[in-house]
Structures are given as C-alpha cells and as structure tokens.
C-alpha cells in the first residue's frame, strides 16, 4: 500500500529484504525512534541473535527548492542496527545496504527504490551518506551490544 511517509516506505523496504542476508537468516525487527521495552508478544526487546534496527528521522533539509515547478525535498534518515557482536551488526548493515547484491544492482537501500512510496512523490535517490560502528553499551541482560549506524539522504520531488 502506498504511503506518503518516507520513514514508513523505508520500513517496508527493509521488511521486504531477503532474510538470508542477515545473521541467522532472519530479518531484524524494525522500529521508529527507539526500540520499545517489549514487542507485540510481550517479550523484552533485546539485541539477541536476531538483532533489531531503529530508524531515526534527522529532518528534512531546509534547502528544499523549486526547479521547473517541481518541489525537491531532501530527508536525512539514520538506521541504527543493534546486535550482540560487531560482526553480526556489520553483516546486517550490509544486508540493508545491498541485500546480497552489488551496489550497481540497487537491491538494498543504497541507491535503491522505495516501491511503497506514494505516487505523489518521484524518488530521485536514496544516497548513503556515511556509516559508523560502535560498542553501544550493555543490553538488558548485561551483555555487550554493538551497533552500526547507516545514514541516508532521500532525495525526492513532490508531484502533488
């Protein structure tokens, strides 16, 4: 179903990626803003072998402008990937970025498409801006948690 939310379109894109490109062959859960304390089943959300991803909206660029009567918008998003090991977090980040393909194949988020984005928008690019790796701290069980943060700039034209 088409959405006018870039964040929701990214969530749907990540949910449609191939689980085989992620640790344990399972897609991580995806949350917006922050991970909840519990999931829908009532279990604690932890960086287990399945990990999880938090999408953060870093705002629309104030330099949105009009060219040929099309309004261009630039939205910056961060996807922070949490897993118990840095290797698993990096593997999951590669799964999000490339979905098992090459950069030229555009199967993941890197320069990929957002098929669920509303026809009120024309997507110009999903550009990777940067990434960073870190030891994110201790999880709820006291185990070390690692993260990889992927930053994207989504460029689009509002048609309606």
C-alpha atoms as a PDB file:
ATOM      1  CA  UNK A   1       0.000   0.000   0.000  1.00  0.00           C
ATOM      2  CA  UNK A   2       1.398   3.404  -0.981  1.00  0.00           C
ATOM      3  CA  UNK A   3       2.493   5.741   1.799  1.00  0.00           C
ATOM      4  CA  UNK A   4       3.414   9.418   1.828  1.00  0.00           C
ATOM      5  CA  UNK A   5       5.787   8.787   4.740  1.00  0.00           C
ATOM      6  CA  UNK A   6       9.411   8.313   3.689  1.00  0.00           C
ATOM      7  CA  UNK A   7      10.052   6.617   7.039  1.00  0.00           C
ATOM      8  CA  UNK A   8       7.239   4.110   6.503  1.00  0.00           C
ATOM      9  CA  UNK A   9       8.449   3.465   2.943  1.00  0.00           C
ATOM     10  CA  UNK A  10      11.945   2.688   4.315  1.00  0.00           C
ATOM     11  CA  UNK A  11      10.449   0.405   6.999  1.00  0.00           C
ATOM     12  CA  UNK A  12       8.533  -1.504   4.315  1.00  0.00           C
ATOM     13  CA  UNK A  13      11.647  -1.715   2.116  1.00  0.00           C
ATOM     14  CA  UNK A  14      13.709  -3.199   4.972  1.00  0.00           C
ATOM     15  CA  UNK A  15      10.888  -5.647   5.799  1.00  0.00           C
ATOM     16  CA  UNK A  16      10.935  -6.843   2.172  1.00  0.00           C
ATOM     17  CA  UNK A  17      14.679  -7.610   2.105  1.00  0.00           C
ATOM     18  CA  UNK A  18      15.895 -11.202   1.946  1.00  0.00           C
ATOM     19  CA  UNK A  19      16.363 -12.726   5.399  1.00  0.00           C
ATOM     20  CA  UNK A  20      19.211 -14.874   4.066  1.00  0.00           C
ATOM     21  CA  UNK A  21      21.473 -11.802   4.049  1.00  0.00           C
ATOM     22  CA  UNK A  22      21.150 -11.312   7.812  1.00  0.00           C
ATOM     23  CA  UNK A  23      22.652 -13.143  10.808  1.00  0.00           C
ATOM     24  CA  UNK A  24      20.805 -16.384  11.456  1.00  0.00           C
ATOM     25  CA  UNK A  25      18.884 -15.941   8.196  1.00  0.00           C
ATOM     26  CA  UNK A  26      16.283 -13.780   9.971  1.00  0.00           C
ATOM     27  CA  UNK A  27      15.317 -10.163   9.289  1.00  0.00           C
ATOM     28  CA  UNK A  28      15.716  -7.938  12.346  1.00  0.00           C
ATOM     29  CA  UNK A  29      12.714  -6.148  13.806  1.00  0.00           C
ATOM     30  CA  UNK A  30      12.475  -2.501  12.675  1.00  0.00           C
ATOM     31  CA  UNK A  31      11.333   0.307  14.983  1.00  0.00           C
ATOM     32  CA  UNK A  32      10.943   4.060  14.571  1.00  0.00           C
ATOM     33  CA  UNK A  33      12.549   6.476  17.023  1.00  0.00           C
ATOM     34  CA  UNK A  34      13.577   3.949  19.660  1.00  0.00           C
ATOM     35  CA  UNK A  35      13.078   0.293  20.435  1.00  0.00           C
ATOM     36  CA  UNK A  36      10.149  -0.374  22.772  1.00  0.00           C
ATOM     37  CA  UNK A  37      10.720  -2.154  26.082  1.00  0.00           C
ATOM     38  CA  UNK A  38       8.591  -5.095  24.872  1.00  0.00           C
ATOM     39  CA  UNK A  39       7.448  -6.391  21.496  1.00  0.00           C
ATOM     40  CA  UNK A  40       3.867  -7.219  20.450  1.00  0.00           C
ATOM     41  CA  UNK A  41       4.152 -10.642  22.130  1.00  0.00           C
ATOM     42  CA  UNK A  42       5.156  -9.026  25.432  1.00  0.00           C
ATOM     43  CA  UNK A  43       8.773 -10.212  25.279  1.00  0.00           C
ATOM     44  CA  UNK A  44      11.608  -7.840  26.135  1.00  0.00           C
ATOM     45  CA  UNK A  45      13.256  -6.276  23.091  1.00  0.00           C
ATOM     46  CA  UNK A  46      16.941  -7.176  23.234  1.00  0.00           C
ATOM     47  CA  UNK A  47      19.830  -7.353  20.810  1.00  0.00           C
ATOM     48  CA  UNK A  48      19.643 -11.128  20.567  1.00  0.00           C
ATOM     49  CA  UNK A  49      20.885 -13.187  17.632  1.00  0.00           C
ATOM     50  CA  UNK A  50      18.055 -11.620  15.582  1.00  0.00           C
ATOM     51  CA  UNK A  51      19.011  -8.061  16.497  1.00  0.00           C
ATOM     52  CA  UNK A  52      16.900  -5.025  15.709  1.00  0.00           C
ATOM     53  CA  UNK A  53      17.014  -1.767  13.757  1.00  0.00           C
ATOM     54  CA  UNK A  54      15.954   1.710  14.871  1.00  0.00           C
ATOM     55  CA  UNK A  55      15.107   4.297  12.197  1.00  0.00           C
ATOM     56  CA  UNK A  56      15.548   7.931  13.192  1.00  0.00           C
ATOM     57  CA  UNK A  57      14.351  10.920  11.182  1.00  0.00           C
ATOM     58  CA  UNK A  58      17.048  13.609  11.151  1.00  0.00           C
ATOM     59  CA  UNK A  59      14.761  16.086   9.427  1.00  0.00           C
ATOM     60  CA  UNK A  60      14.071  17.493   6.010  1.00  0.00           C
ATOM     61  CA  UNK A  61      16.726  19.730   4.545  1.00  0.00           C
ATOM     62  CA  UNK A  62      15.777  23.372   4.815  1.00  0.00           C
ATOM     63  CA  UNK A  63      17.227  23.915   1.355  1.00  0.00           C
ATOM     64  CA  UNK A  64      14.252  22.337  -0.366  1.00  0.00           C
ATOM     65  CA  UNK A  65      13.716  24.356  -3.530  1.00  0.00           C
ATOM     66  CA  UNK A  66      11.609  24.625  -6.636  1.00  0.00           C
ATOM     67  CA  UNK A  67      13.044  23.839 -10.062  1.00  0.00           C
ATOM     68  CA  UNK A  68      10.869  23.638 -13.153  1.00  0.00           C
ATOM     69  CA  UNK A  69       7.859  23.920 -10.860  1.00  0.00           C
ATOM     70  CA  UNK A  70       8.833  20.711  -9.020  1.00  0.00           C
ATOM     71  CA  UNK A  71       9.480  20.954  -5.270  1.00  0.00           C
ATOM     72  CA  UNK A  72      12.556  18.941  -4.326  1.00  0.00           C
ATOM     73  CA  UNK A  73      12.832  17.606  -0.807  1.00  0.00           C
ATOM     74  CA  UNK A  74      15.791  16.066   0.990  1.00  0.00           C
ATOM     75  CA  UNK A  75      15.174  13.854   4.028  1.00  0.00           C
ATOM     76  CA  UNK A  76      18.011  12.553   6.211  1.00  0.00           C
ATOM     77  CA  UNK A  77      17.487   9.223   7.975  1.00  0.00           C
ATOM     78  CA  UNK A  78      19.634   7.090  10.258  1.00  0.00           C
ATOM     79  CA  UNK A  79      19.229   3.354  10.603  1.00  0.00           C
ATOM     80  CA  UNK A  80      20.988   2.037  13.698  1.00  0.00           C
ATOM     81  CA  UNK A  81      21.495  -1.732  13.657  1.00  0.00           C
ATOM     82  CA  UNK A  82      21.938  -3.489  17.054  1.00  0.00           C
ATOM     83  CA  UNK A  83      23.402  -6.992  17.561  1.00  0.00           C
ATOM     84  CA  UNK A  84      25.447  -8.709  20.277  1.00  0.00           C
ATOM     85  CA  UNK A  85      28.570  -8.819  18.081  1.00  0.00           C
ATOM     86  CA  UNK A  86      30.051  -6.212  15.788  1.00  0.00           C
ATOM     87  CA  UNK A  87      30.411  -8.831  13.038  1.00  0.00           C
ATOM     88  CA  UNK A  88      26.655  -9.551  13.146  1.00  0.00           C
ATOM     89  CA  UNK A  89      25.814  -5.834  13.194  1.00  0.00           C
ATOM     90  CA  UNK A  90      28.070  -5.288  10.164  1.00  0.00           C
ATOM     91  CA  UNK A  91      26.540  -8.264   8.323  1.00  0.00           C
ATOM     92  CA  UNK A  92      23.040  -6.903   8.957  1.00  0.00           C
ATOM     93  CA  UNK A  93      24.140  -3.436   7.798  1.00  0.00           C
ATOM     94  CA  UNK A  94      25.432  -4.987   4.539  1.00  0.00           C
ATOM     95  CA  UNK A  95      22.092  -6.776   4.180  1.00  0.00           C
ATOM     96  CA  UNK A  96      20.261  -3.457   4.477  1.00  0.00           C
ATOM     97  CA  UNK A  97      22.654  -1.637   2.167  1.00  0.00           C
ATOM     98  CA  UNK A  98      22.972  -4.215  -0.633  1.00  0.00           C
ATOM     99  CA  UNK A  99      20.503  -7.072   0.052  1.00  0.00           C
ATOM    100  CA  UNK A 100      23.047  -9.593  -1.221  1.00  0.00           C
ATOM    101  CA  UNK A 101      23.694  -7.776  -4.494  1.00  0.00           C
ATOM    102  CA  UNK A 102      26.290  -5.377  -5.803  1.00  0.00           C
ATOM    103  CA  UNK A 103      25.983  -1.604  -5.423  1.00  0.00           C
ATOM    104  CA  UNK A 104      25.097  -1.399  -9.128  1.00  0.00           C
ATOM    105  CA  UNK A 105      22.208  -3.858  -8.641  1.00  0.00           C
ATOM    106  CA  UNK A 106      20.486  -1.453  -6.198  1.00  0.00           C
ATOM    107  CA  UNK A 107      18.700  -4.278  -4.373  1.00  0.00           C
ATOM    108  CA  UNK A 108      19.042  -2.762  -0.903  1.00  0.00           C
ATOM    109  CA  UNK A 109      18.722   0.803   0.327  1.00  0.00           C
ATOM    110  CA  UNK A 110      21.944   2.083  -1.283  1.00  0.00           C
ATOM    111  CA  UNK A 111      20.653   3.957  -4.354  1.00  0.00           C
ATOM    112  CA  UNK A 112      17.650   1.629  -4.305  1.00  0.00           C
ATOM    113  CA  UNK A 113      13.950   2.223  -4.779  1.00  0.00           C
ATOM    114  CA  UNK A 114      11.144   2.734  -2.279  1.00  0.00           C
ATOM    115  CA  UNK A 115       8.323   0.869  -4.051  1.00  0.00           C
ATOM    116  CA  UNK A 116       5.751   1.716  -1.371  1.00  0.00           C
ATOM    117  CA  UNK A 117       6.263   5.480  -1.638  1.00  0.00           C
ATOM    118  CA  UNK A 118       3.149   7.338  -2.788  1.00  0.00           C
ATOM    119  CA  UNK A 119       2.832   8.310  -6.462  1.00  0.00           C
ATOM    120  CA  UNK A 120       2.586  11.883  -5.121  1.00  0.00           C
ATOM    121  CA  UNK A 121       6.410  11.668  -4.984  1.00  0.00           C
ATOM    122  CA  UNK A 122       9.053  10.834  -7.547  1.00  0.00           C
ATOM    123  CA  UNK A 123      12.104   9.312  -5.876  1.00  0.00           C
ATOM    124  CA  UNK A 124      15.365  10.705  -7.200  1.00  0.00           C
ATOM    125  CA  UNK A 125      17.816   8.798  -4.981  1.00  0.00           C
ATOM    126  CA  UNK A 126      18.412   7.056  -1.684  1.00  0.00           C
ATOM    127  CA  UNK A 127      22.028   8.092  -1.168  1.00  0.00           C
ATOM    128  CA  UNK A 128      24.252   6.571   1.511  1.00  0.00           C
ATOM    129  CA  UNK A 129      25.918   9.442   3.375  1.00  0.00           C
ATOM    130  CA  UNK A 130      28.016   7.547   5.909  1.00  0.00           C
ATOM    131  CA  UNK A 131      28.259   4.780   8.469  1.00  0.00           C
ATOM    132  CA  UNK A 132      29.857   4.241  11.854  1.00  0.00           C
ATOM    133  CA  UNK A 133      30.493   1.258  14.127  1.00  0.00           C
ATOM    134  CA  UNK A 134      30.438   1.340  17.902  1.00  0.00           C
ATOM    135  CA  UNK A 135      30.068  -0.548  21.119  1.00  0.00           C
ATOM    136  CA  UNK A 136      26.580   0.621  22.029  1.00  0.00           C
ATOM    137  CA  UNK A 137      26.778  -0.364  25.685  1.00  0.00           C
ATOM    138  CA  UNK A 138      25.192  -3.115  27.727  1.00  0.00           C
ATOM    139  CA  UNK A 139      21.861  -4.720  26.931  1.00  0.00           C
ATOM    140  CA  UNK A 140      19.099  -5.505  29.413  1.00  0.00           C
ATOM    141  CA  UNK A 141      20.828  -8.758  30.374  1.00  0.00           C
ATOM    142  CA  UNK A 142      24.187  -7.059  30.937  1.00  0.00           C
ATOM    143  CA  UNK A 143      25.691  -8.413  27.702  1.00  0.00           C
ATOM    144  CA  UNK A 144      27.627  -6.109  25.385  1.00  0.00           C
ATOM    145  CA  UNK A 145      25.671  -4.725  22.422  1.00  0.00           C
ATOM    146  CA  UNK A 146      27.259  -3.372  19.225  1.00  0.00           C
ATOM    147  CA  UNK A 147      25.747  -1.107  16.625  1.00  0.00           C
ATOM    148  CA  UNK A 148      26.297   0.132  13.106  1.00  0.00           C
ATOM    149  CA  UNK A 149      24.666   3.415  12.127  1.00  0.00           C
ATOM    150  CA  UNK A 150      23.827   3.944   8.452  1.00  0.00           C
ATOM    151  CA  UNK A 151      22.966   7.477   7.338  1.00  0.00           C
ATOM    152  CA  UNK A 152      20.939   8.119   4.181  1.00  0.00           C
ATOM    153  CA  UNK A 153      19.763  11.190   2.308  1.00  0.00           C
ATOM    154  CA  UNK A 154      16.499  10.537   0.467  1.00  0.00           C
ATOM    155  CA  UNK A 155      16.003  12.918  -2.441  1.00  0.00           C
ATOM    156  CA  UNK A 156      12.556  13.239  -3.955  1.00  0.00           C
ATOM    157  CA  UNK A 157      10.237  15.507  -5.891  1.00  0.00           C
ATOM    158  CA  UNK A 158       6.747  16.265  -4.637  1.00  0.00           C
ATOM    159  CA  UNK A 159       4.421  15.990  -7.631  1.00  0.00           C
ATOM    160  CA  UNK A 160       1.146  16.843  -5.950  1.00  0.00           C
END
